[in-house]
Amino acid sequence: METDQPEKIDEHAEDKPQKKEEPTGSSLAPLTSEKVEIPATQSRPPPKNPALRIQAWWRGNLVRRALLHAVLHVLIIQRWWRQMLMKVLEKRRRAALESFTRKEWAAVRLQSWVRMWRIRLRYCRLLHAARIIQAYWRCRSCSSRGFIKGHYRVTANQLHLELEIVLGSEPCFVSECIPLPVKQ
């Protein structure tokens, strides 16, 4: 056995370029005697016959016209598709906007109802207190002490009280404005 032989086939063939050995004329015979033609990528020269020239020109015009029609059809389809996409996107945007608006209006309405209920509750409490006081104020005469007269007025943000208390000979006038805590 030879010791120079590599154990693997690719062991010595790392990044070395392969050497091309040219065959000697004595040992190998030529494979074919024919000349191999490489296909030409250039266009053919124009034909010399005028009828053939006209036919080639007409065929070129027909091909260009067919390509132009195809391009126009593609552009029409693309334009239609873009319009459809825009309509779909507009519908989605409008639906999202309407949903957002509905939620916002619901929140605003709910907040206004809560504020209204709190103000009404406070007003009803004050009205009830005023009616209780009013029952005692209106010309109630005390035989031993005198009498109490008064009236009240409730505005949007204040309660005005005016009292007249007569004890003996000198009347006492009390006027009071109580602000109502109303959030604006």
N, C-alpha and C. Protein backbone atom coordinates (compact mmCIF):
# COMPACT_ATOMS: atom_id res chain seq x y z
N MET A 1 0.83 -1.18 0.00
CA MET A 1 0.00 0.00 0.00
C MET A 1 0.86 1.23 0.00
N GLU A 2 0.32 2.27 -0.59
CA GLU A 2 1.06 3.51 -0.64
C GLU A 2 0.69 4.35 0.57
N THR A 3 1.66 4.97 1.19
CA THR A 3 1.41 5.80 2.35
C THR A 3 1.12 7.24 1.97
N ASP A 4 1.41 7.65 0.75
CA ASP A 4 1.18 9.03 0.31
C ASP A 4 -0.30 9.29 0.02
N GLN A 5 -1.05 8.27 -0.17
CA GLN A 5 -2.44 8.44 -0.56
C GLN A 5 -3.25 9.06 0.58
N PRO A 6 -4.07 10.05 0.30
CA PRO A 6 -4.93 10.62 1.35
C PRO A 6 -6.05 9.64 1.70
N GLU A 7 -6.48 9.70 2.95
CA GLU A 7 -7.55 8.82 3.38
C GLU A 7 -8.90 9.28 2.83
N LYS A 8 -9.02 10.56 2.71
CA LYS A 8 -10.25 11.12 2.16
C LYS A 8 -9.93 11.69 0.79
N ILE A 9 -10.96 11.80 0.00
CA ILE A 9 -10.75 12.29 -1.37
C ILE A 9 -10.45 13.78 -1.36
N ASP A 10 -11.13 14.56 -0.52
CA ASP A 10 -11.00 16.01 -0.53
C ASP A 10 -9.95 16.52 0.45
N GLU A 11 -9.08 15.66 0.93
CA GLU A 11 -8.15 16.10 1.97
C GLU A 11 -7.12 17.09 1.45
N HIS A 12 -6.55 16.84 0.32
CA HIS A 12 -5.53 17.73 -0.23
C HIS A 12 -6.12 18.80 -1.14
N ALA A 13 -7.39 18.71 -1.50
CA ALA A 13 -8.00 19.66 -2.43
C ALA A 13 -8.72 20.74 -1.62
N GLU A 14 -7.98 21.63 -1.00
CA GLU A 14 -8.60 22.68 -0.18
C GLU A 14 -9.01 23.85 -1.05
N ASP A 15 -8.18 24.85 -1.17
CA ASP A 15 -8.52 26.02 -1.98
C ASP A 15 -7.59 26.18 -3.17
N LYS A 16 -7.05 25.12 -3.63
CA LYS A 16 -6.14 25.20 -4.76
C LYS A 16 -6.92 25.10 -6.05
N PRO A 17 -6.61 25.94 -7.03
CA PRO A 17 -7.30 25.80 -8.31
C PRO A 17 -6.85 24.54 -9.02
N GLN A 18 -7.77 23.95 -9.73
CA GLN A 18 -7.42 22.72 -10.45
C GLN A 18 -6.61 23.06 -11.67
N LYS A 19 -5.69 22.20 -11.96
CA LYS A 19 -4.88 22.37 -13.16
C LYS A 19 -5.58 21.69 -14.31
N LYS A 20 -5.67 22.40 -15.40
CA LYS A 20 -6.27 21.80 -16.58
C LYS A 20 -5.16 21.21 -17.42
N GLU A 21 -5.31 19.97 -17.64
CA GLU A 21 -4.30 19.30 -18.47
C GLU A 21 -4.80 19.25 -19.88
N GLU A 22 -4.00 19.63 -20.77
CA GLU A 22 -4.37 19.60 -22.16
C GLU A 22 -3.96 18.26 -22.74
N PRO A 23 -4.85 17.66 -23.47
CA PRO A 23 -4.51 16.34 -24.01
C PRO A 23 -3.46 16.46 -25.11
N THR A 24 -2.68 15.46 -25.18
CA THR A 24 -1.67 15.40 -26.26
C THR A 24 -2.32 14.80 -27.47
N GLY A 25 -1.87 15.15 -28.59
CA GLY A 25 -2.47 14.71 -29.84
C GLY A 25 -2.31 13.22 -30.08
N SER A 26 -1.31 12.61 -29.49
CA SER A 26 -1.08 11.21 -29.81
C SER A 26 -2.00 10.27 -29.05
N SER A 27 -2.37 10.63 -27.81
CA SER A 27 -3.14 9.67 -27.02
C SER A 27 -4.64 9.78 -27.23
N LEU A 28 -5.20 10.98 -27.45
CA LEU A 28 -6.65 11.14 -27.58
C LEU A 28 -7.02 11.63 -28.96
N ALA A 29 -8.06 11.09 -29.47
CA ALA A 29 -8.58 11.53 -30.77
C ALA A 29 -9.62 12.60 -30.52
N PRO A 30 -9.85 13.58 -31.44
CA PRO A 30 -10.88 14.61 -31.26
C PRO A 30 -12.26 13.96 -31.16
N LEU A 31 -13.11 14.56 -30.29
CA LEU A 31 -14.43 13.98 -30.06
C LEU A 31 -15.34 14.14 -31.27
N THR A 32 -15.41 15.32 -31.82
CA THR A 32 -16.24 15.54 -33.02
C THR A 32 -15.45 16.39 -33.98
N SER A 33 -15.74 16.21 -35.18
CA SER A 33 -15.06 17.00 -36.20
C SER A 33 -15.91 18.18 -36.62
N GLU A 34 -17.15 18.31 -36.07
CA GLU A 34 -18.02 19.42 -36.44
C GLU A 34 -17.74 20.63 -35.57
N LYS A 35 -18.00 21.79 -36.13
CA LYS A 35 -17.84 23.04 -35.43
C LYS A 35 -19.12 23.34 -34.64
N VAL A 36 -19.00 23.65 -33.33
CA VAL A 36 -20.15 23.92 -32.48
C VAL A 36 -20.50 25.39 -32.60
N GLU A 37 -21.78 25.65 -32.88
CA GLU A 37 -22.24 27.03 -33.01
C GLU A 37 -22.83 27.51 -31.69
N ILE A 38 -22.47 28.71 -31.31
CA ILE A 38 -23.04 29.34 -30.13
C ILE A 38 -24.22 30.18 -30.62
N PRO A 39 -25.39 30.04 -29.98
CA PRO A 39 -26.55 30.81 -30.47
C PRO A 39 -26.31 32.30 -30.30
N ALA A 40 -26.67 33.03 -31.30
CA ALA A 40 -26.46 34.48 -31.30
C ALA A 40 -27.59 35.16 -30.54
N THR A 41 -27.22 36.15 -29.75
CA THR A 41 -28.22 36.90 -29.00
C THR A 41 -28.58 38.19 -29.72
N GLN A 42 -27.89 38.50 -30.76
CA GLN A 42 -28.20 39.72 -31.50
C GLN A 42 -29.35 39.45 -32.46
N SER A 43 -30.05 40.53 -32.83
CA SER A 43 -31.16 40.37 -33.77
C SER A 43 -30.63 40.13 -35.17
N ARG A 44 -31.50 39.57 -35.93
CA ARG A 44 -31.11 39.26 -37.31
C ARG A 44 -31.05 40.54 -38.14
N PRO A 45 -30.27 40.53 -39.15
CA PRO A 45 -30.27 41.69 -40.04
C PRO A 45 -31.61 41.77 -40.78
N PRO A 46 -32.06 42.96 -41.09
CA PRO A 46 -33.36 43.08 -41.77
C PRO A 46 -33.34 42.37 -43.12
N PRO A 47 -34.47 41.78 -43.48
CA PRO A 47 -34.52 41.06 -44.77
C PRO A 47 -34.42 42.06 -45.93
N LYS A 48 -33.94 41.55 -47.06
CA LYS A 48 -33.75 42.42 -48.22
C LYS A 48 -35.02 42.56 -49.05
N ASN A 49 -35.93 41.64 -48.93
CA ASN A 49 -37.17 41.69 -49.69
C ASN A 49 -38.11 42.71 -49.04
N PRO A 50 -38.65 43.70 -49.77
CA PRO A 50 -39.53 44.70 -49.18
C PRO A 50 -40.81 44.11 -48.59
N ALA A 51 -41.33 43.06 -49.17
CA ALA A 51 -42.56 42.46 -48.64
C ALA A 51 -42.27 41.86 -47.25
N LEU A 52 -41.13 41.24 -47.11
CA LEU A 52 -40.77 40.68 -45.82
C LEU A 52 -40.54 41.78 -44.79
N ARG A 53 -39.96 42.88 -45.25
CA ARG A 53 -39.76 44.02 -44.34
C ARG A 53 -41.10 44.56 -43.84
N ILE A 54 -42.06 44.71 -44.75
CA ILE A 54 -43.38 45.22 -44.37
C ILE A 54 -44.06 44.26 -43.41
N GLN A 55 -43.96 42.95 -43.69
CA GLN A 55 -44.56 41.95 -42.80
C GLN A 55 -43.93 42.01 -41.40
N ALA A 56 -42.61 42.13 -41.35
CA ALA A 56 -41.93 42.21 -40.05
C ALA A 56 -42.35 43.47 -39.30
N TRP A 57 -42.46 44.57 -40.03
CA TRP A 57 -42.89 45.83 -39.40
C TRP A 57 -44.31 45.70 -38.85
N TRP A 58 -45.19 45.08 -39.66
CA TRP A 58 -46.58 44.93 -39.22
C TRP A 58 -46.69 44.00 -38.00
N ARG A 59 -45.90 42.89 -38.05
CA ARG A 59 -45.91 41.99 -36.88
C ARG A 59 -45.42 42.73 -35.64
N GLY A 60 -44.41 43.57 -35.77
CA GLY A 60 -43.91 44.36 -34.64
C GLY A 60 -44.98 45.30 -34.11
N ASN A 61 -45.70 45.95 -35.06
CA ASN A 61 -46.80 46.84 -34.64
C ASN A 61 -47.88 46.07 -33.90
N LEU A 62 -48.24 44.89 -34.40
CA LEU A 62 -49.27 44.08 -33.74
C LEU A 62 -48.83 43.65 -32.34
N VAL A 63 -47.57 43.27 -32.20
CA VAL A 63 -47.06 42.87 -30.89
C VAL A 63 -47.06 44.07 -29.94
N ARG A 64 -46.59 45.23 -30.42
CA ARG A 64 -46.59 46.42 -29.58
C ARG A 64 -48.01 46.81 -29.18
N ARG A 65 -48.96 46.73 -30.12
CA ARG A 65 -50.35 47.05 -29.82
C ARG A 65 -50.92 46.08 -28.78
N ALA A 66 -50.63 44.79 -28.93
CA ALA A 66 -51.12 43.81 -27.96
C ALA A 66 -50.52 44.08 -26.57
N LEU A 67 -49.23 44.42 -26.54
CA LEU A 67 -48.61 44.74 -25.25
C LEU A 67 -49.21 46.00 -24.65
N LEU A 68 -49.47 46.99 -25.49
CA LEU A 68 -50.08 48.22 -25.00
C LEU A 68 -51.47 47.95 -24.41
N HIS A 69 -52.26 47.14 -25.13
CA HIS A 69 -53.59 46.78 -24.61
C HIS A 69 -53.47 46.03 -23.29
N ALA A 70 -52.51 45.12 -23.20
CA ALA A 70 -52.33 44.36 -21.96
C ALA A 70 -51.95 45.30 -20.81
N VAL A 71 -51.06 46.25 -21.09
CA VAL A 71 -50.66 47.20 -20.06
C VAL A 71 -51.84 48.06 -19.63
N LEU A 72 -52.64 48.51 -20.60
CA LEU A 72 -53.82 49.31 -20.26
C LEU A 72 -54.81 48.52 -19.41
N HIS A 73 -55.01 47.25 -19.77
CA HIS A 73 -55.92 46.42 -18.98
C HIS A 73 -55.38 46.23 -17.56
N VAL A 74 -54.08 46.04 -17.44
CA VAL A 74 -53.47 45.88 -16.11
C VAL A 74 -53.65 47.16 -15.30
N LEU A 75 -53.44 48.32 -15.94
CA LEU A 75 -53.61 49.59 -15.23
C LEU A 75 -55.06 49.80 -14.79
N ILE A 76 -56.01 49.41 -15.65
CA ILE A 76 -57.42 49.54 -15.28
C ILE A 76 -57.73 48.66 -14.08
N ILE A 77 -57.25 47.43 -14.11
CA ILE A 77 -57.50 46.51 -12.99
C ILE A 77 -56.83 47.03 -11.72
N GLN A 78 -55.60 47.53 -11.82
CA GLN A 78 -54.92 48.06 -10.64
C GLN A 78 -55.66 49.27 -10.07
N ARG A 79 -56.14 50.14 -10.94
CA ARG A 79 -56.88 51.31 -10.47
C ARG A 79 -58.16 50.89 -9.75
N TRP A 80 -58.89 49.93 -10.35
CA TRP A 80 -60.10 49.43 -9.72
C TRP A 80 -59.79 48.82 -8.36
N TRP A 81 -58.72 48.03 -8.28
CA TRP A 81 -58.34 47.38 -7.01
C TRP A 81 -57.98 48.43 -5.95
N ARG A 82 -57.24 49.46 -6.35
CA ARG A 82 -56.90 50.52 -5.39
C ARG A 82 -58.15 51.25 -4.90
N GLN A 83 -59.11 51.49 -5.80
CA GLN A 83 -60.36 52.13 -5.40
C GLN A 83 -61.12 51.25 -4.41
N MET A 84 -61.16 49.94 -4.67
CA MET A 84 -61.83 49.02 -3.74
C MET A 84 -61.13 49.04 -2.38
N LEU A 85 -59.80 49.02 -2.38
CA LEU A 85 -59.07 49.07 -1.11
C LEU A 85 -59.36 50.37 -0.37
N MET A 86 -59.40 51.49 -1.09
CA MET A 86 -59.69 52.77 -0.45
C MET A 86 -61.10 52.76 0.15
N LYS A 87 -62.07 52.18 -0.57
CA LYS A 87 -63.43 52.11 -0.05
C LYS A 87 -63.49 51.27 1.21
N VAL A 88 -62.80 50.13 1.20
CA VAL A 88 -62.79 49.25 2.37
C VAL A 88 -62.13 49.96 3.54
N LEU A 89 -60.99 50.63 3.29
CA LEU A 89 -60.31 51.34 4.36
C LEU A 89 -61.17 52.50 4.89
N GLU A 90 -61.87 53.18 4.01
CA GLU A 90 -62.74 54.28 4.43
C GLU A 90 -63.89 53.75 5.28
N LYS A 91 -64.47 52.59 4.90
CA LYS A 91 -65.54 52.00 5.71
C LYS A 91 -65.02 51.62 7.09
N ARG A 92 -63.83 51.02 7.14
CA ARG A 92 -63.25 50.65 8.44
C ARG A 92 -62.99 51.89 9.29
N ARG A 93 -62.44 52.94 8.68
CA ARG A 93 -62.15 54.16 9.41
C ARG A 93 -63.44 54.79 9.94
N ARG A 94 -64.46 54.84 9.09
CA ARG A 94 -65.74 55.41 9.50
C ARG A 94 -66.38 54.59 10.62
N ALA A 95 -66.31 53.26 10.53
CA ALA A 95 -66.88 52.41 11.58
C ALA A 95 -66.14 52.63 12.90
N ALA A 96 -64.81 52.73 12.84
CA ALA A 96 -64.04 52.98 14.06
C ALA A 96 -64.38 54.35 14.64
N LEU A 97 -64.52 55.35 13.78
CA LEU A 97 -64.87 56.69 14.24
C LEU A 97 -66.27 56.72 14.87
N GLU A 98 -67.23 56.04 14.25
CA GLU A 98 -68.58 56.01 14.81
C GLU A 98 -68.59 55.28 16.15
N SER A 99 -67.85 54.19 16.25
CA SER A 99 -67.78 53.45 17.52
C SER A 99 -67.17 54.34 18.60
N PHE A 100 -66.08 55.03 18.26
CA PHE A 100 -65.44 55.92 19.23
C PHE A 100 -66.39 57.04 19.65
N THR A 101 -67.10 57.61 18.68
CA THR A 101 -68.04 58.69 18.97
C THR A 101 -69.17 58.21 19.88
N ARG A 102 -69.70 57.00 19.58
CA ARG A 102 -70.76 56.45 20.43
C ARG A 102 -70.28 56.26 21.86
N LYS A 103 -69.08 55.74 22.04
CA LYS A 103 -68.54 55.53 23.38
C LYS A 103 -68.32 56.87 24.10
N GLU A 104 -67.79 57.84 23.38
CA GLU A 104 -67.56 59.14 23.99
C GLU A 104 -68.88 59.80 24.40
N TRP A 105 -69.88 59.74 23.52
CA TRP A 105 -71.17 60.34 23.85
C TRP A 105 -71.81 59.63 25.04
N ALA A 106 -71.65 58.30 25.09
CA ALA A 106 -72.21 57.56 26.23
C ALA A 106 -71.54 58.00 27.53
N ALA A 107 -70.22 58.17 27.49
CA ALA A 107 -69.50 58.61 28.70
C ALA A 107 -69.93 60.01 29.10
N VAL A 108 -70.04 60.91 28.14
CA VAL A 108 -70.45 62.29 28.44
C VAL A 108 -71.87 62.32 29.00
N ARG A 109 -72.77 61.55 28.38
CA ARG A 109 -74.15 61.50 28.85
C ARG A 109 -74.23 60.94 30.27
N LEU A 110 -73.47 59.88 30.52
CA LEU A 110 -73.48 59.29 31.85
C LEU A 110 -72.94 60.28 32.89
N GLN A 111 -71.87 60.98 32.56
CA GLN A 111 -71.31 61.97 33.48
C GLN A 111 -72.32 63.09 33.74
N SER A 112 -73.01 63.54 32.70
CA SER A 112 -73.98 64.62 32.90
C SER A 112 -75.16 64.13 33.76
N TRP A 113 -75.58 62.88 33.56
CA TRP A 113 -76.66 62.35 34.38
C TRP A 113 -76.24 62.26 35.84
N VAL A 114 -75.01 61.83 36.10
CA VAL A 114 -74.53 61.74 37.49
C VAL A 114 -74.48 63.13 38.11
N ARG A 115 -73.93 64.11 37.36
CA ARG A 115 -73.89 65.49 37.89
C ARG A 115 -75.31 66.01 38.16
N MET A 116 -76.22 65.75 37.21
CA MET A 116 -77.59 66.21 37.38
C MET A 116 -78.22 65.55 38.61
N TRP A 117 -78.01 64.27 38.80
CA TRP A 117 -78.60 63.57 39.94
C TRP A 117 -78.06 64.12 41.26
N ARG A 118 -76.74 64.37 41.31
CA ARG A 118 -76.16 64.91 42.54
C ARG A 118 -76.71 66.31 42.84
N ILE A 119 -76.81 67.14 41.80
CA ILE A 119 -77.34 68.50 42.00
C ILE A 119 -78.81 68.43 42.41
N ARG A 120 -79.57 67.55 41.78
CA ARG A 120 -80.99 67.42 42.13
C ARG A 120 -81.15 66.92 43.55
N LEU A 121 -80.29 65.96 43.94
CA LEU A 121 -80.36 65.46 45.31
C LEU A 121 -80.08 66.57 46.32
N ARG A 122 -79.06 67.36 46.03
CA ARG A 122 -78.74 68.47 46.94
C ARG A 122 -79.88 69.50 46.95
N TYR A 123 -80.42 69.78 45.80
CA TYR A 123 -81.54 70.73 45.72
C TYR A 123 -82.75 70.21 46.51
N CYS A 124 -83.05 68.93 46.37
CA CYS A 124 -84.19 68.37 47.10
C CYS A 124 -83.96 68.43 48.61
N ARG A 125 -82.74 68.18 49.04
CA ARG A 125 -82.43 68.30 50.47
C ARG A 125 -82.65 69.73 50.96
N LEU A 126 -82.11 70.69 50.19
CA LEU A 126 -82.28 72.09 50.58
C LEU A 126 -83.75 72.51 50.54
N LEU A 127 -84.46 72.02 49.55
CA LEU A 127 -85.87 72.36 49.44
C LEU A 127 -86.65 71.79 50.63
N HIS A 128 -86.33 70.58 51.00
CA HIS A 128 -87.00 69.96 52.15
C HIS A 128 -86.68 70.75 53.44
N ALA A 129 -85.39 71.12 53.59
CA ALA A 129 -85.02 71.91 54.77
C ALA A 129 -85.72 73.25 54.76
N ALA A 130 -85.81 73.88 53.59
CA ALA A 130 -86.48 75.19 53.49
C ALA A 130 -87.95 75.06 53.81
N ARG A 131 -88.59 73.97 53.39
CA ARG A 131 -90.01 73.79 53.68
C ARG A 131 -90.24 73.57 55.17
N ILE A 132 -89.34 72.85 55.80
CA ILE A 132 -89.47 72.65 57.25
C ILE A 132 -89.31 73.98 57.97
N ILE A 133 -88.28 74.73 57.57
CA ILE A 133 -88.06 76.03 58.20
C ILE A 133 -89.22 76.97 57.88
N GLN A 134 -89.71 76.91 56.67
CA GLN A 134 -90.78 77.79 56.23
C GLN A 134 -92.04 77.58 57.08
N ALA A 135 -92.29 76.35 57.42
CA ALA A 135 -93.48 76.07 58.21
C ALA A 135 -93.41 76.80 59.55
N TYR A 136 -92.21 76.94 60.08
CA TYR A 136 -92.06 77.64 61.37
C TYR A 136 -91.93 79.15 61.19
N TRP A 137 -91.49 79.59 60.02
CA TRP A 137 -91.22 81.01 59.83
C TRP A 137 -92.46 81.84 59.57
N ARG A 138 -93.33 81.31 58.79
CA ARG A 138 -94.43 82.13 58.27
C ARG A 138 -95.36 82.56 59.39
N CYS A 139 -95.15 83.73 59.76
CA CYS A 139 -96.03 84.41 60.72
C CYS A 139 -96.42 83.55 61.91
N ARG A 140 -95.53 82.80 62.41
CA ARG A 140 -95.82 82.02 63.60
C ARG A 140 -95.63 82.94 64.80
N SER A 141 -96.59 83.11 65.49
CA SER A 141 -96.51 84.03 66.62
C SER A 141 -96.26 83.27 67.91
N CYS A 142 -95.36 83.78 68.60
CA CYS A 142 -95.08 83.23 69.93
C CYS A 142 -95.71 84.20 70.93
N SER A 143 -96.56 83.70 71.73
CA SER A 143 -97.27 84.60 72.64
C SER A 143 -96.34 85.26 73.64
N SER A 144 -95.32 84.58 74.01
CA SER A 144 -94.46 85.17 75.03
C SER A 144 -93.25 85.88 74.43
N ARG A 145 -92.79 85.48 73.29
CA ARG A 145 -91.52 86.01 72.79
C ARG A 145 -91.66 86.88 71.56
N GLY A 146 -92.62 86.82 70.79
CA GLY A 146 -92.72 87.57 69.56
C GLY A 146 -93.02 86.64 68.39
N PHE A 147 -92.53 87.02 67.18
CA PHE A 147 -92.79 86.16 66.02
C PHE A 147 -91.59 86.17 65.06
N ILE A 148 -91.58 85.22 64.14
CA ILE A 148 -90.51 85.06 63.13
C ILE A 148 -91.18 85.13 61.76
N LYS A 149 -90.64 85.95 60.89
CA LYS A 149 -91.10 86.05 59.50
C LYS A 149 -89.88 85.84 58.61
N GLY A 150 -90.10 85.32 57.44
CA GLY A 150 -88.97 85.18 56.53
C GLY A 150 -89.37 84.61 55.18
N HIS A 151 -88.46 84.67 54.29
CA HIS A 151 -88.63 84.02 52.99
C HIS A 151 -87.25 83.64 52.44
N TYR A 152 -87.27 82.79 51.44
CA TYR A 152 -86.02 82.30 50.85
C TYR A 152 -86.15 82.32 49.33
N ARG A 153 -85.00 82.25 48.68
CA ARG A 153 -84.96 82.20 47.22
C ARG A 153 -83.79 81.31 46.83
N VAL A 154 -84.01 80.33 45.96
CA VAL A 154 -82.96 79.41 45.49
C VAL A 154 -82.64 79.76 44.05
N THR A 155 -81.38 80.10 43.78
CA THR A 155 -80.93 80.36 42.41
C THR A 155 -80.06 79.18 41.98
N ALA A 156 -79.39 79.34 40.86
CA ALA A 156 -78.61 78.24 40.31
C ALA A 156 -77.48 77.82 41.23
N ASN A 157 -76.86 78.76 41.91
CA ASN A 157 -75.71 78.39 42.73
C ASN A 157 -75.75 78.99 44.15
N GLN A 158 -76.89 79.58 44.59
CA GLN A 158 -76.96 80.17 45.92
C GLN A 158 -78.34 79.99 46.52
N LEU A 159 -78.37 79.99 47.87
CA LEU A 159 -79.61 79.99 48.61
C LEU A 159 -79.65 81.29 49.41
N HIS A 160 -80.62 82.16 49.12
CA HIS A 160 -80.76 83.45 49.80
C HIS A 160 -81.83 83.32 50.90
N LEU A 161 -81.46 83.65 52.13
CA LEU A 161 -82.38 83.63 53.26
C LEU A 161 -82.53 85.04 53.82
N GLU A 162 -83.75 85.43 54.08
CA GLU A 162 -84.00 86.71 54.74
C GLU A 162 -85.00 86.45 55.87
N LEU A 163 -84.56 86.72 57.08
CA LEU A 163 -85.38 86.48 58.27
C LEU A 163 -85.65 87.79 59.01
N GLU A 164 -86.85 87.87 59.59
CA GLU A 164 -87.19 89.00 60.45
C GLU A 164 -87.69 88.39 61.76
N ILE A 165 -86.92 88.64 62.80
CA ILE A 165 -87.27 88.11 64.11
C ILE A 165 -87.63 89.29 65.00
N VAL A 166 -88.84 89.24 65.53
CA VAL A 166 -89.29 90.32 66.41
C VAL A 166 -89.40 89.74 67.82
N LEU A 167 -88.54 90.24 68.66
CA LEU A 167 -88.58 89.86 70.08
C LEU A 167 -88.80 91.13 70.89
N GLY A 168 -89.93 91.29 71.32
CA GLY A 168 -90.22 92.49 72.09
C GLY A 168 -90.42 93.68 71.19
N SER A 169 -89.68 94.75 71.42
CA SER A 169 -89.90 96.00 70.70
C SER A 169 -88.98 96.15 69.48
N GLU A 170 -87.82 95.54 69.46
CA GLU A 170 -86.87 95.74 68.36
C GLU A 170 -86.86 94.53 67.42
N PRO A 171 -87.09 94.78 66.11
CA PRO A 171 -86.99 93.66 65.18
C PRO A 171 -85.52 93.39 64.82
N CYS A 172 -85.22 92.14 64.54
CA CYS A 172 -83.85 91.73 64.12
C CYS A 172 -83.95 91.16 62.71
N PHE A 173 -83.16 91.74 61.79
CA PHE A 173 -83.18 91.28 60.40
C PHE A 173 -81.92 90.45 60.14
N VAL A 174 -82.10 89.27 59.58
CA VAL A 174 -80.98 88.38 59.23
C VAL A 174 -81.08 88.09 57.74
N SER A 175 -79.98 88.38 57.03
CA SER A 175 -79.93 88.10 55.59
C SER A 175 -78.68 87.25 55.33
N GLU A 176 -78.85 86.14 54.68
CA GLU A 176 -77.74 85.20 54.50
C GLU A 176 -77.78 84.64 53.07
N CYS A 177 -76.58 84.54 52.46
CA CYS A 177 -76.45 83.89 51.16
C CYS A 177 -75.57 82.67 51.34
N ILE A 178 -76.10 81.50 51.05
CA ILE A 178 -75.34 80.25 51.19
C ILE A 178 -75.00 79.75 49.79
N PRO A 179 -73.70 79.66 49.45
CA PRO A 179 -73.34 79.16 48.12
C PRO A 179 -73.55 77.65 48.04
N LEU A 180 -74.04 77.22 46.89
CA LEU A 180 -74.23 75.81 46.65
C LEU A 180 -73.04 75.29 45.84
N PRO A 181 -72.44 74.19 46.26
CA PRO A 181 -71.29 73.65 45.50
C PRO A 181 -71.76 72.94 44.24
N VAL A 182 -71.73 73.65 43.14
CA VAL A 182 -72.15 73.09 41.86
C VAL A 182 -70.94 73.06 40.95
N LYS A 183 -70.63 71.90 40.42
CA LYS A 183 -69.49 71.76 39.52
C LYS A 183 -69.89 72.26 38.14
N GLN A 184 -69.05 73.13 37.59
CA GLN A 184 -69.39 73.70 36.28
C GLN A 184 -68.46 73.19 35.25
